[in-house]
Amino acid sequence: MNAQFWYVVRILMRCSVCVDNEPLFSEEFVLMRAASYEEAYRKAEAKGKELSHSYENDAGTEVRWILESILEVRRVTSDVLGDGCEIYARTWSTPPEVVPRGILDK
């Protein structure tokens, strides 16, 4: 049996409905268990298709979320996952937009 590793994948989903005339996207971070990068990528594509769905909103408009692309597949450096385990990090020179404290708790 091949060794299995943890991968974190970034999946970009696109919404068919715009907000203020701007496209709406959702970025999903998903853990995958796979023997290789290629297998993790294939599983990410399948997960993106699984996340694709549609529904009717309150205005009666059909809303569709569809897989736009797989943004990244990265092997998690630790095979032991638990409280405080780092699963994703990146470095860049421009600071990201900060989410105000508590906004994700609502």
N, C-alpha and C. Protein backbone atom coordinates (compact mmCIF):
# COMPACT_ATOMS: atom_id res chain seq x y z
N MET A 1 0.84 -1.18 0.00
CA MET A 1 0.00 0.00 0.00
C MET A 1 0.89 1.25 0.00
N ASN A 2 0.55 2.23 -0.84
CA ASN A 2 1.31 3.48 -0.92
C ASN A 2 1.11 4.30 0.35
N ALA A 3 2.15 5.04 0.71
CA ALA A 3 2.04 5.96 1.84
C ALA A 3 1.02 7.03 1.51
N GLN A 4 0.26 7.43 2.48
CA GLN A 4 -0.74 8.48 2.32
C GLN A 4 -0.27 9.74 3.05
N PHE A 5 -0.52 10.89 2.44
CA PHE A 5 -0.13 12.16 3.02
C PHE A 5 -1.36 13.07 3.06
N TRP A 6 -1.29 14.08 3.92
CA TRP A 6 -2.33 15.10 3.96
C TRP A 6 -1.97 16.22 2.99
N TYR A 7 -2.95 16.70 2.28
CA TYR A 7 -2.81 17.85 1.38
C TYR A 7 -3.91 18.84 1.71
N VAL A 8 -3.59 20.12 1.62
CA VAL A 8 -4.62 21.15 1.71
C VAL A 8 -4.80 21.69 0.29
N VAL A 9 -6.04 21.77 -0.12
CA VAL A 9 -6.34 22.26 -1.47
C VAL A 9 -7.20 23.51 -1.36
N ARG A 10 -6.93 24.45 -2.24
CA ARG A 10 -7.73 25.67 -2.34
C ARG A 10 -8.58 25.56 -3.59
N ILE A 11 -9.88 25.56 -3.38
CA ILE A 11 -10.84 25.41 -4.47
C ILE A 11 -11.58 26.72 -4.65
N LEU A 12 -11.59 27.25 -5.87
CA LEU A 12 -12.30 28.49 -6.16
C LEU A 12 -13.64 28.18 -6.81
N MET A 13 -14.70 28.66 -6.16
CA MET A 13 -16.05 28.48 -6.67
C MET A 13 -16.56 29.85 -7.14
N ARG A 14 -17.31 29.86 -8.23
CA ARG A 14 -17.87 31.10 -8.77
C ARG A 14 -19.38 31.04 -8.73
N CYS A 15 -19.99 32.16 -8.35
CA CYS A 15 -21.44 32.25 -8.26
C CYS A 15 -21.99 32.86 -9.55
N SER A 16 -23.15 32.39 -9.97
CA SER A 16 -23.77 32.90 -11.19
C SER A 16 -24.44 34.25 -10.97
N VAL A 17 -24.63 34.64 -9.72
CA VAL A 17 -25.29 35.91 -9.40
C VAL A 17 -24.23 36.90 -8.94
N CYS A 18 -24.28 38.10 -9.47
CA CYS A 18 -23.33 39.15 -9.09
C CYS A 18 -23.89 39.96 -7.92
N VAL A 19 -23.00 40.57 -7.16
CA VAL A 19 -23.37 41.48 -6.07
C VAL A 19 -22.81 42.84 -6.43
N ASP A 20 -23.68 43.85 -6.52
CA ASP A 20 -23.27 45.19 -6.95
C ASP A 20 -22.50 45.13 -8.27
N ASN A 21 -22.98 44.33 -9.20
CA ASN A 21 -22.39 44.15 -10.53
C ASN A 21 -20.98 43.58 -10.51
N GLU A 22 -20.59 42.97 -9.41
CA GLU A 22 -19.29 42.33 -9.29
C GLU A 22 -19.49 40.82 -9.12
N PRO A 23 -18.64 40.02 -9.75
CA PRO A 23 -18.77 38.56 -9.56
C PRO A 23 -18.51 38.18 -8.12
N LEU A 24 -19.14 37.12 -7.70
CA LEU A 24 -19.01 36.61 -6.34
C LEU A 24 -18.28 35.28 -6.38
N PHE A 25 -17.27 35.13 -5.53
CA PHE A 25 -16.47 33.91 -5.48
C PHE A 25 -16.42 33.39 -4.05
N SER A 26 -16.14 32.12 -3.92
CA SER A 26 -15.90 31.50 -2.62
C SER A 26 -14.64 30.66 -2.73
N GLU A 27 -13.75 30.83 -1.77
CA GLU A 27 -12.52 30.05 -1.73
C GLU A 27 -12.64 29.02 -0.62
N GLU A 28 -12.56 27.76 -0.98
CA GLU A 28 -12.70 26.66 -0.02
C GLU A 28 -11.34 26.05 0.26
N PHE A 29 -11.02 25.86 1.54
CA PHE A 29 -9.80 25.16 1.95
C PHE A 29 -10.24 23.78 2.43
N VAL A 30 -9.75 22.72 1.77
CA VAL A 30 -10.19 21.37 2.07
C VAL A 30 -8.99 20.46 2.28
N LEU A 31 -9.06 19.63 3.32
CA LEU A 31 -8.01 18.63 3.55
C LEU A 31 -8.30 17.38 2.74
N MET A 32 -7.27 16.85 2.11
CA MET A 32 -7.38 15.63 1.32
C MET A 32 -6.29 14.66 1.76
N ARG A 33 -6.60 13.39 1.80
CA ARG A 33 -5.63 12.34 2.07
C ARG A 33 -5.33 11.68 0.74
N ALA A 34 -4.05 11.65 0.34
CA ALA A 34 -3.69 11.08 -0.96
C ALA A 34 -2.25 10.60 -0.95
N ALA A 35 -1.93 9.73 -1.90
CA ALA A 35 -0.58 9.18 -2.01
C ALA A 35 0.35 10.08 -2.82
N SER A 36 -0.23 11.02 -3.58
CA SER A 36 0.59 11.88 -4.44
C SER A 36 -0.14 13.19 -4.70
N TYR A 37 0.64 14.15 -5.20
CA TYR A 37 0.08 15.43 -5.61
C TYR A 37 -1.01 15.21 -6.66
N GLU A 38 -0.74 14.38 -7.64
CA GLU A 38 -1.69 14.14 -8.73
C GLU A 38 -3.01 13.58 -8.21
N GLU A 39 -2.92 12.63 -7.27
CA GLU A 39 -4.14 12.06 -6.69
C GLU A 39 -4.90 13.14 -5.91
N ALA A 40 -4.18 13.96 -5.15
CA ALA A 40 -4.82 15.03 -4.38
C ALA A 40 -5.52 16.02 -5.32
N TYR A 41 -4.88 16.32 -6.45
CA TYR A 41 -5.48 17.23 -7.43
C TYR A 41 -6.77 16.64 -8.01
N ARG A 42 -6.72 15.36 -8.36
CA ARG A 42 -7.93 14.70 -8.89
C ARG A 42 -9.05 14.72 -7.85
N LYS A 43 -8.71 14.46 -6.59
CA LYS A 43 -9.71 14.49 -5.52
C LYS A 43 -10.24 15.91 -5.32
N ALA A 44 -9.39 16.91 -5.49
CA ALA A 44 -9.82 18.31 -5.37
C ALA A 44 -10.82 18.65 -6.48
N GLU A 45 -10.55 18.20 -7.69
CA GLU A 45 -11.50 18.44 -8.79
C GLU A 45 -12.84 17.78 -8.49
N ALA A 46 -12.81 16.56 -7.98
CA ALA A 46 -14.06 15.85 -7.64
C ALA A 46 -14.80 16.60 -6.54
N LYS A 47 -14.07 17.09 -5.54
CA LYS A 47 -14.69 17.84 -4.45
C LYS A 47 -15.30 19.13 -4.97
N GLY A 48 -14.60 19.82 -5.87
CA GLY A 48 -15.15 21.04 -6.46
C GLY A 48 -16.44 20.78 -7.21
N LYS A 49 -16.51 19.67 -7.92
CA LYS A 49 -17.74 19.31 -8.61
C LYS A 49 -18.84 18.97 -7.61
N GLU A 50 -18.45 18.33 -6.51
CA GLU A 50 -19.41 18.00 -5.45
C GLU A 50 -19.95 19.28 -4.78
N LEU A 51 -19.09 20.29 -4.63
CA LEU A 51 -19.51 21.55 -4.03
C LEU A 51 -20.40 22.37 -4.96
N SER A 52 -20.37 22.08 -6.26
CA SER A 52 -21.21 22.79 -7.22
C SER A 52 -22.67 22.46 -6.95
N HIS A 53 -23.49 23.50 -6.88
CA HIS A 53 -24.91 23.29 -6.62
C HIS A 53 -25.69 24.53 -7.04
N SER A 54 -27.00 24.41 -7.06
CA SER A 54 -27.85 25.54 -7.39
C SER A 54 -29.07 25.55 -6.48
N TYR A 55 -29.65 26.72 -6.34
CA TYR A 55 -30.85 26.89 -5.53
C TYR A 55 -31.55 28.18 -5.96
N GLU A 56 -32.77 28.36 -5.52
CA GLU A 56 -33.51 29.58 -5.82
C GLU A 56 -33.41 30.50 -4.61
N ASN A 57 -32.98 31.75 -4.83
CA ASN A 57 -32.87 32.68 -3.71
C ASN A 57 -34.23 33.31 -3.40
N ASP A 58 -34.27 34.18 -2.40
CA ASP A 58 -35.53 34.80 -1.96
C ASP A 58 -36.18 35.66 -3.04
N ALA A 59 -35.38 36.15 -3.99
CA ALA A 59 -35.91 36.96 -5.10
C ALA A 59 -36.42 36.10 -6.24
N GLY A 60 -36.31 34.78 -6.10
CA GLY A 60 -36.77 33.88 -7.15
C GLY A 60 -35.76 33.64 -8.25
N THR A 61 -34.53 34.09 -8.05
CA THR A 61 -33.47 33.92 -9.04
C THR A 61 -32.72 32.63 -8.77
N GLU A 62 -32.42 31.89 -9.84
CA GLU A 62 -31.61 30.69 -9.68
C GLU A 62 -30.16 31.10 -9.42
N VAL A 63 -29.60 30.59 -8.34
CA VAL A 63 -28.22 30.85 -7.97
C VAL A 63 -27.44 29.56 -8.19
N ARG A 64 -26.36 29.65 -8.95
CA ARG A 64 -25.53 28.48 -9.21
C ARG A 64 -24.12 28.74 -8.71
N TRP A 65 -23.58 27.80 -7.96
CA TRP A 65 -22.17 27.82 -7.57
C TRP A 65 -21.47 26.75 -8.38
N ILE A 66 -20.44 27.14 -9.14
CA ILE A 66 -19.75 26.17 -9.99
C ILE A 66 -18.24 26.24 -9.74
N LEU A 67 -17.60 25.14 -9.98
CA LEU A 67 -16.15 25.05 -9.84
C LEU A 67 -15.50 25.95 -10.87
N GLU A 68 -14.73 26.92 -10.40
CA GLU A 68 -13.98 27.82 -11.30
C GLU A 68 -12.59 27.24 -11.56
N SER A 69 -11.88 26.87 -10.48
CA SER A 69 -10.54 26.29 -10.65
C SER A 69 -10.01 25.75 -9.33
N ILE A 70 -8.99 24.93 -9.46
CA ILE A 70 -8.21 24.49 -8.32
C ILE A 70 -7.05 25.48 -8.22
N LEU A 71 -7.01 26.26 -7.16
CA LEU A 71 -6.00 27.30 -7.02
C LEU A 71 -4.66 26.76 -6.57
N GLU A 72 -4.69 25.74 -5.72
CA GLU A 72 -3.44 25.26 -5.14
C GLU A 72 -3.65 23.91 -4.50
N VAL A 73 -2.63 23.08 -4.59
CA VAL A 73 -2.58 21.80 -3.86
C VAL A 73 -1.23 21.79 -3.16
N ARG A 74 -1.27 21.70 -1.85
CA ARG A 74 -0.01 21.76 -1.09
C ARG A 74 0.00 20.68 -0.01
N ARG A 75 1.10 19.95 0.04
CA ARG A 75 1.23 18.90 1.05
C ARG A 75 1.41 19.53 2.43
N VAL A 76 0.67 19.01 3.39
CA VAL A 76 0.79 19.46 4.78
C VAL A 76 2.07 18.86 5.33
N THR A 77 2.87 19.68 6.01
CA THR A 77 4.19 19.22 6.46
C THR A 77 4.12 18.21 7.59
N SER A 78 3.03 18.20 8.33
CA SER A 78 2.90 17.25 9.42
C SER A 78 1.86 16.19 9.06
N ASP A 79 2.17 14.94 9.36
CA ASP A 79 1.18 13.88 9.14
C ASP A 79 0.31 13.65 10.36
N VAL A 80 0.65 14.32 11.46
CA VAL A 80 -0.13 14.21 12.69
C VAL A 80 -0.94 15.49 12.82
N LEU A 81 -2.25 15.38 12.60
CA LEU A 81 -3.11 16.54 12.69
C LEU A 81 -3.74 16.59 14.07
N GLY A 82 -3.78 17.77 14.62
CA GLY A 82 -4.37 17.96 15.94
C GLY A 82 -4.47 19.44 16.26
N ASP A 83 -4.90 19.74 17.46
CA ASP A 83 -5.08 21.10 17.91
C ASP A 83 -3.80 21.91 17.72
N GLY A 84 -3.92 23.01 17.00
CA GLY A 84 -2.77 23.89 16.77
C GLY A 84 -1.86 23.50 15.63
N CYS A 85 -2.17 22.42 14.92
CA CYS A 85 -1.34 21.97 13.80
C CYS A 85 -1.49 22.94 12.62
N GLU A 86 -0.38 23.40 12.09
CA GLU A 86 -0.41 24.30 10.94
C GLU A 86 -0.67 23.48 9.69
N ILE A 87 -1.72 23.84 8.96
CA ILE A 87 -2.03 23.12 7.73
C ILE A 87 -1.80 23.97 6.49
N TYR A 88 -1.66 25.29 6.67
CA TYR A 88 -1.46 26.14 5.50
C TYR A 88 -0.80 27.44 5.94
N ALA A 89 0.18 27.86 5.18
CA ALA A 89 0.83 29.15 5.40
C ALA A 89 1.39 29.63 4.08
N ARG A 90 1.44 30.94 3.91
CA ARG A 90 2.07 31.51 2.73
C ARG A 90 2.72 32.83 3.11
N THR A 91 3.67 33.24 2.32
CA THR A 91 4.42 34.46 2.58
C THR A 91 4.32 35.37 1.36
N TRP A 92 4.08 36.66 1.59
CA TRP A 92 4.05 37.63 0.51
C TRP A 92 4.42 38.99 1.06
N SER A 93 4.66 39.95 0.17
CA SER A 93 5.18 41.25 0.60
C SER A 93 4.11 42.29 0.87
N THR A 94 2.90 42.12 0.39
CA THR A 94 1.83 43.07 0.64
C THR A 94 0.89 42.51 1.70
N PRO A 95 0.63 43.25 2.78
CA PRO A 95 -0.22 42.71 3.84
C PRO A 95 -1.64 42.45 3.34
N PRO A 96 -2.24 41.37 3.79
CA PRO A 96 -3.61 41.06 3.36
C PRO A 96 -4.61 42.00 4.05
N GLU A 97 -5.80 42.07 3.47
CA GLU A 97 -6.87 42.82 4.10
C GLU A 97 -7.25 42.08 5.38
N VAL A 98 -7.37 42.81 6.46
CA VAL A 98 -7.64 42.20 7.76
C VAL A 98 -9.15 42.12 7.99
N VAL A 99 -9.61 40.96 8.43
CA VAL A 99 -11.01 40.78 8.78
C VAL A 99 -11.21 41.30 10.20
N PRO A 100 -12.18 42.20 10.42
CA PRO A 100 -12.38 42.73 11.77
C PRO A 100 -12.67 41.60 12.77
N ARG A 101 -12.14 41.75 13.98
CA ARG A 101 -12.29 40.75 15.04
C ARG A 101 -13.76 40.46 15.28
N GLY A 102 -14.08 39.19 15.34
CA GLY A 102 -15.44 38.76 15.66
C GLY A 102 -16.37 38.61 14.48
N ILE A 103 -15.98 39.09 13.29
CA ILE A 103 -16.88 39.02 12.15
C ILE A 103 -17.18 37.58 11.75
N LEU A 104 -16.22 36.68 11.95
CA LEU A 104 -16.44 35.29 11.58
C LEU A 104 -17.24 34.52 12.63
N ASP A 105 -17.46 35.13 13.79
CA ASP A 105 -18.22 34.49 14.85
C ASP A 105 -19.72 34.68 14.71
N LYS A 106 -20.15 35.51 13.77
CA LYS A 106 -21.56 35.84 13.64
C LYS A 106 -22.30 34.84 12.79
